[in-house]
Amino acid sequence: MPSPLSDDDLASSTVEFPNGAGQILALFCPPKKGGPFPALILIHECWGLNDHIKDIAQRLSREGFAVLPPDLFSCLGNPVTRDAQKAAERMNAPKAEVALAELSSTIACVLSLKEIRAEEIGVIAFCMGRTYALLLACRHRAIRAAVPFCGQVPDHQELKTLSAPVLYVWGTRYNWITEEEVYRLKGRLERKIGAGEVKIDPGRATPSSITRATRSTTRSRPGTRGNRTTAFFETHLKAS
């Protein structure tokens, strides 16, 4: 497995693309040389498109992916906050169907970029975005792999259309998502898709804390969460 790229090997820029009557701001972070690359759509937390999410984008880019995190708060003026109350209020600011329309526009943007391979697009999401990631994979065949750190499992009709492998991480103390839902997804992956994994962390209260695993490296020690994530995308997105 090749060594991760250095900061000097990356190219980061902001891009804007249309969504209905408005514009969506996003960061685009591909490697500078080579390509086209597999692409990852990174959906941010309720804190907004902050430095932590940008750091995750750069770390994933060092692994050979072209990463694009869209700002789902673009219509609010691209706010970023560290205030928990404000973040909680913004959690529900983008209604599900509005957010999914914005993410559909994000897919269209990614498909238009010469730096990416159109047949190798994945999605990764934390906190606010994790439910959107699964729905996006159900509704868009362009999504070839998804890594949501928990998130609501789509209903039966939606889940029937899921064809992409999924790495889904759930903590048993995270009561918002029931064990029944988790095993419903697990059954779909095992019976119909034949690829993917439901990773259950006993005793973990909130799988969104997994984002901390990416603060130091996305290719950490074997068996750690960062390693599992990049290995999953390498298996299901990168051409052999």
Protein backbone atom coordinates (compact mmCIF):
# COMPACT_ATOMS: atom_id res chain seq x y z
CA MET A 1 0.00 0.00 0.00
CA PRO A 2 1.57 3.36 -1.02
CA SER A 3 2.52 5.92 1.60
CA PRO A 4 0.10 8.82 2.15
CA LEU A 5 0.77 12.00 0.19
CA SER A 6 2.25 15.06 1.87
CA ASP A 7 0.60 18.47 2.22
CA ASP A 8 2.66 19.68 -0.76
CA ASP A 9 0.98 17.03 -2.93
CA LEU A 10 -2.52 18.41 -2.33
CA ALA A 11 -4.49 21.17 -4.03
CA SER A 12 -7.36 22.79 -2.11
CA SER A 13 -9.78 25.37 -3.47
CA THR A 14 -13.32 26.58 -2.91
CA VAL A 15 -15.95 25.91 -5.54
CA GLU A 16 -19.52 27.08 -5.98
CA PHE A 17 -22.26 25.31 -7.88
CA PRO A 18 -25.98 25.96 -8.40
CA ASN A 19 -28.80 24.41 -6.44
CA GLY A 20 -32.20 25.67 -7.49
CA ALA A 21 -32.26 29.41 -7.00
CA GLY A 22 -29.13 29.51 -4.84
CA GLN A 23 -25.47 28.57 -4.78
CA ILE A 24 -23.67 25.99 -2.66
CA LEU A 25 -20.16 26.67 -1.43
CA ALA A 26 -17.82 23.70 -1.09
CA LEU A 27 -14.19 22.83 -0.51
CA PHE A 28 -12.51 20.74 -3.19
CA CYS A 29 -9.35 18.92 -2.17
CA PRO A 30 -7.76 16.58 -4.75
CA PRO A 31 -4.16 15.40 -5.04
CA LYS A 32 -2.16 17.69 -7.35
CA LYS A 33 -0.70 15.07 -9.65
CA GLY A 34 -2.04 12.01 -11.39
CA GLY A 35 -5.68 11.28 -11.65
CA PRO A 36 -8.44 11.12 -12.32
CA PHE A 37 -9.15 10.03 -8.75
CA PRO A 38 -11.96 8.31 -6.87
CA ALA A 39 -14.10 10.97 -5.21
CA LEU A 40 -15.53 11.29 -1.72
CA ILE A 41 -18.42 13.55 -0.78
CA LEU A 42 -17.87 14.47 2.87
CA ILE A 43 -20.99 15.64 4.74
CA HIS A 44 -20.20 17.90 7.69
CA GLU A 45 -21.44 17.92 11.28
CA CYS A 46 -23.90 20.38 12.82
CA TRP A 47 -20.99 22.70 13.61
CA GLY A 48 -20.76 23.61 9.92
CA LEU A 49 -17.99 23.36 7.36
CA ASN A 50 -15.33 24.07 9.96
CA ASP A 51 -11.58 23.53 10.15
CA HIS A 52 -12.02 20.01 11.52
CA ILE A 53 -14.04 18.90 8.49
CA LYS A 54 -11.55 20.61 6.19
CA ASP A 55 -8.77 18.73 7.98
CA ILE A 56 -10.59 15.42 7.44
CA ALA A 57 -10.94 16.30 3.74
CA GLN A 58 -7.22 16.92 3.46
CA ARG A 59 -6.34 13.73 5.31
CA LEU A 60 -8.56 11.66 3.05
CA SER A 61 -7.05 13.42 0.05
CA ARG A 62 -3.59 12.34 1.22
CA GLU A 63 -4.83 8.78 0.72
CA GLY A 64 -5.44 9.42 -2.98
CA PHE A 65 -9.07 10.60 -3.01
CA ALA A 66 -10.51 13.81 -4.44
CA VAL A 67 -12.65 15.04 -1.54
CA LEU A 68 -15.49 17.53 -1.71
CA PRO A 69 -17.37 18.65 1.43
CA PRO A 70 -20.35 20.85 0.48
CA ASP A 71 -21.59 23.46 2.95
CA LEU A 72 -25.21 22.53 3.67
CA PHE A 73 -25.53 25.83 5.52
CA SER A 74 -24.77 27.87 2.40
CA CYS A 75 -28.31 29.27 2.36
CA LEU A 76 -27.73 30.55 5.92
CA GLY A 77 -24.55 32.40 4.98
CA ASN A 78 -22.08 29.56 5.66
CA PRO A 79 -22.07 29.85 9.46
CA VAL A 80 -19.60 27.93 11.61
CA THR A 81 -19.99 27.70 15.37
CA ARG A 82 -18.53 26.13 18.50
CA ASP A 83 -21.66 26.90 20.49
CA ALA A 84 -23.54 23.68 21.24
CA GLN A 85 -26.94 25.38 21.43
CA LYS A 86 -26.50 27.08 18.05
CA ALA A 87 -25.24 23.85 16.56
CA ALA A 88 -28.28 21.99 17.87
CA GLU A 89 -30.59 24.61 16.38
CA ARG A 90 -28.88 24.28 13.01
CA MET A 91 -29.04 20.50 13.13
CA ASN A 92 -32.58 20.68 11.75
CA ALA A 93 -32.10 23.85 9.70
CA PRO A 94 -31.69 21.99 6.41
CA LYS A 95 -34.85 19.92 6.02
CA ALA A 96 -34.14 16.39 4.86
CA GLU A 97 -35.49 16.76 1.33
CA VAL A 98 -33.79 20.15 0.92
CA ALA A 99 -30.47 18.73 2.11
CA LEU A 100 -30.84 15.75 -0.22
CA ALA A 101 -31.54 18.10 -3.14
CA GLU A 102 -28.35 19.98 -2.26
CA LEU A 103 -26.44 16.70 -2.12
CA SER A 104 -27.88 15.71 -5.51
CA SER A 105 -26.48 18.98 -6.84
CA THR A 106 -23.19 18.05 -5.17
CA ILE A 107 -23.12 14.77 -7.08
CA ALA A 108 -23.73 16.67 -10.33
CA CYS A 109 -20.83 18.99 -9.46
CA VAL A 110 -18.52 16.08 -8.69
CA LEU A 111 -19.45 14.36 -11.96
CA SER A 112 -18.49 17.52 -13.86
CA LEU A 113 -14.96 17.66 -12.44
CA LYS A 114 -12.18 16.39 -14.67
CA GLU A 115 -10.13 15.31 -11.63
CA ILE A 116 -12.49 12.50 -10.63
CA ARG A 117 -13.52 9.11 -11.94
CA ALA A 118 -17.27 9.21 -12.40
CA GLU A 119 -17.67 5.51 -11.65
CA GLU A 120 -15.89 5.77 -8.28
CA ILE A 121 -17.83 8.13 -6.01
CA GLY A 122 -18.34 7.51 -2.30
CA VAL A 123 -19.92 9.39 0.59
CA ILE A 124 -18.79 9.70 4.22
CA ALA A 125 -20.73 11.52 6.92
CA PHE A 126 -20.79 12.37 10.60
CA CYS A 127 -23.34 13.77 13.04
CA MET A 128 -25.98 15.75 11.11
CA GLY A 129 -25.00 14.27 7.76
CA ARG A 130 -24.97 10.58 8.54
CA THR A 131 -28.68 9.97 7.84
CA TYR A 132 -28.34 11.84 4.55
CA ALA A 133 -25.46 9.58 3.52
CA LEU A 134 -27.57 6.42 3.61
CA LEU A 135 -30.48 8.06 1.80
CA LEU A 136 -28.12 9.42 -0.84
CA ALA A 137 -26.76 5.92 -1.45
CA CYS A 138 -30.34 4.61 -1.78
CA ARG A 139 -31.39 7.28 -4.27
CA HIS A 140 -28.31 7.71 -6.46
CA ARG A 141 -26.61 4.92 -8.36
CA ALA A 142 -23.62 7.25 -8.75
CA ILE A 143 -22.77 6.53 -5.09
CA ARG A 144 -20.70 3.34 -5.10
CA ALA A 145 -19.77 3.16 -1.38
CA ALA A 146 -21.00 4.84 1.80
CA VAL A 147 -19.58 5.25 5.31
CA PRO A 148 -22.13 6.79 7.69
CA PHE A 149 -21.12 6.86 11.34
CA CYS A 150 -24.53 5.75 12.59
CA GLY A 151 -27.61 7.59 11.30
CA GLN A 152 -31.23 6.66 10.76
CA VAL A 153 -31.75 3.58 8.62
CA PRO A 154 -34.08 4.32 5.66
CA ASP A 155 -37.49 2.70 5.56
CA HIS A 156 -38.08 -0.59 3.77
CA GLN A 157 -39.00 0.96 0.42
CA GLU A 158 -35.95 3.22 0.38
CA LEU A 159 -33.63 0.46 1.54
CA LYS A 160 -34.77 -1.81 -1.29
CA THR A 161 -32.99 0.51 -3.72
CA LEU A 162 -29.66 0.45 -1.87
CA SER A 163 -27.05 -1.20 -4.07
CA ALA A 164 -23.80 0.29 -2.72
CA PRO A 165 -21.64 -1.36 -0.06
CA VAL A 166 -21.96 0.37 3.31
CA LEU A 167 -19.70 0.55 6.35
CA TYR A 168 -22.10 1.51 9.16
CA VAL A 169 -20.84 2.10 12.70
CA TRP A 170 -23.26 1.99 15.62
CA GLY A 171 -22.79 2.33 19.39
CA THR A 172 -25.08 0.19 21.52
CA ARG A 173 -25.77 3.07 23.92
CA TYR A 174 -26.90 5.32 21.09
CA ASN A 175 -30.61 4.85 21.75
CA TRP A 176 -31.84 7.08 18.93
CA ILE A 177 -31.13 4.21 16.53
CA THR A 178 -32.60 0.87 17.61
CA GLU A 179 -30.93 -2.49 17.32
CA GLU A 180 -33.82 -3.60 15.09
CA GLU A 181 -32.98 -0.85 12.57
CA VAL A 182 -29.30 -1.73 12.61
CA TYR A 183 -29.95 -5.41 11.94
CA ARG A 184 -32.41 -4.53 9.19
CA LEU A 185 -29.56 -2.76 7.40
CA LYS A 186 -27.18 -5.60 8.18
CA GLY A 187 -29.59 -8.08 6.61
CA ARG A 188 -29.89 -5.99 3.46
CA LEU A 189 -26.12 -5.81 3.09
CA GLU A 190 -25.67 -9.54 3.64
CA ARG A 191 -28.58 -10.85 1.57
CA LYS A 192 -28.92 -8.44 -1.34
CA ILE A 193 -25.64 -6.63 -1.79
CA GLY A 194 -23.11 -9.15 -0.55
CA ALA A 195 -20.70 -6.43 0.54
CA GLY A 196 -20.42 -4.04 3.41
CA GLU A 197 -20.31 -4.23 7.16
CA VAL A 198 -22.23 -3.14 10.23
CA LYS A 199 -19.69 -2.45 12.97
CA ILE A 200 -21.17 -2.47 16.47
CA ASP A 201 -19.24 -0.76 19.27
CA PRO A 202 -20.55 -2.13 22.59
CA GLY A 203 -21.05 0.56 25.19
CA ARG A 204 -20.28 3.48 22.91
CA ALA A 205 -22.71 6.30 23.49
CA THR A 206 -22.17 8.35 20.36
CA PRO A 207 -20.50 7.13 17.18
CA SER A 208 -20.02 10.73 16.02
CA SER A 209 -17.01 10.76 18.35
CA ILE A 210 -15.34 8.63 15.69
CA THR A 211 -14.40 11.86 13.94
CA ARG A 212 -11.68 12.19 16.55
CA ALA A 213 -9.96 9.21 14.95
CA THR A 214 -9.25 11.34 11.90
CA ARG A 215 -7.61 14.20 13.81
CA SER A 216 -4.20 12.55 13.68
CA THR A 217 -4.42 10.23 10.69
CA THR A 218 -6.85 8.44 8.45
CA ARG A 219 -4.38 5.57 8.12
CA SER A 220 -3.73 4.83 11.77
CA ARG A 221 -2.69 1.57 13.38
CA PRO A 222 -4.21 -1.58 11.88
CA GLY A 223 -7.67 -2.17 13.27
CA THR A 224 -8.38 1.42 14.22
CA ARG A 225 -11.40 3.25 12.84
CA GLY A 226 -9.44 5.53 10.53
CA ASN A 227 -7.73 2.55 8.95
CA ARG A 228 -11.05 0.72 8.51
CA THR A 229 -12.61 3.69 6.74
CA THR A 230 -9.87 4.25 4.19
CA ALA A 231 -9.45 0.51 3.63
CA PHE A 232 -13.19 0.24 2.91
CA PHE A 233 -13.07 2.99 0.30
CA GLU A 234 -9.90 1.58 -1.23
CA THR A 235 -11.61 -1.79 -1.60
CA HIS A 236 -14.87 -0.52 -3.10
CA LEU A 237 -13.81 2.58 -5.03
CA LYS A 238 -10.23 2.45 -6.17
CA ALA A 239 -9.70 0.63 -9.44
CA SER A 240 -7.68 -2.54 -9.22
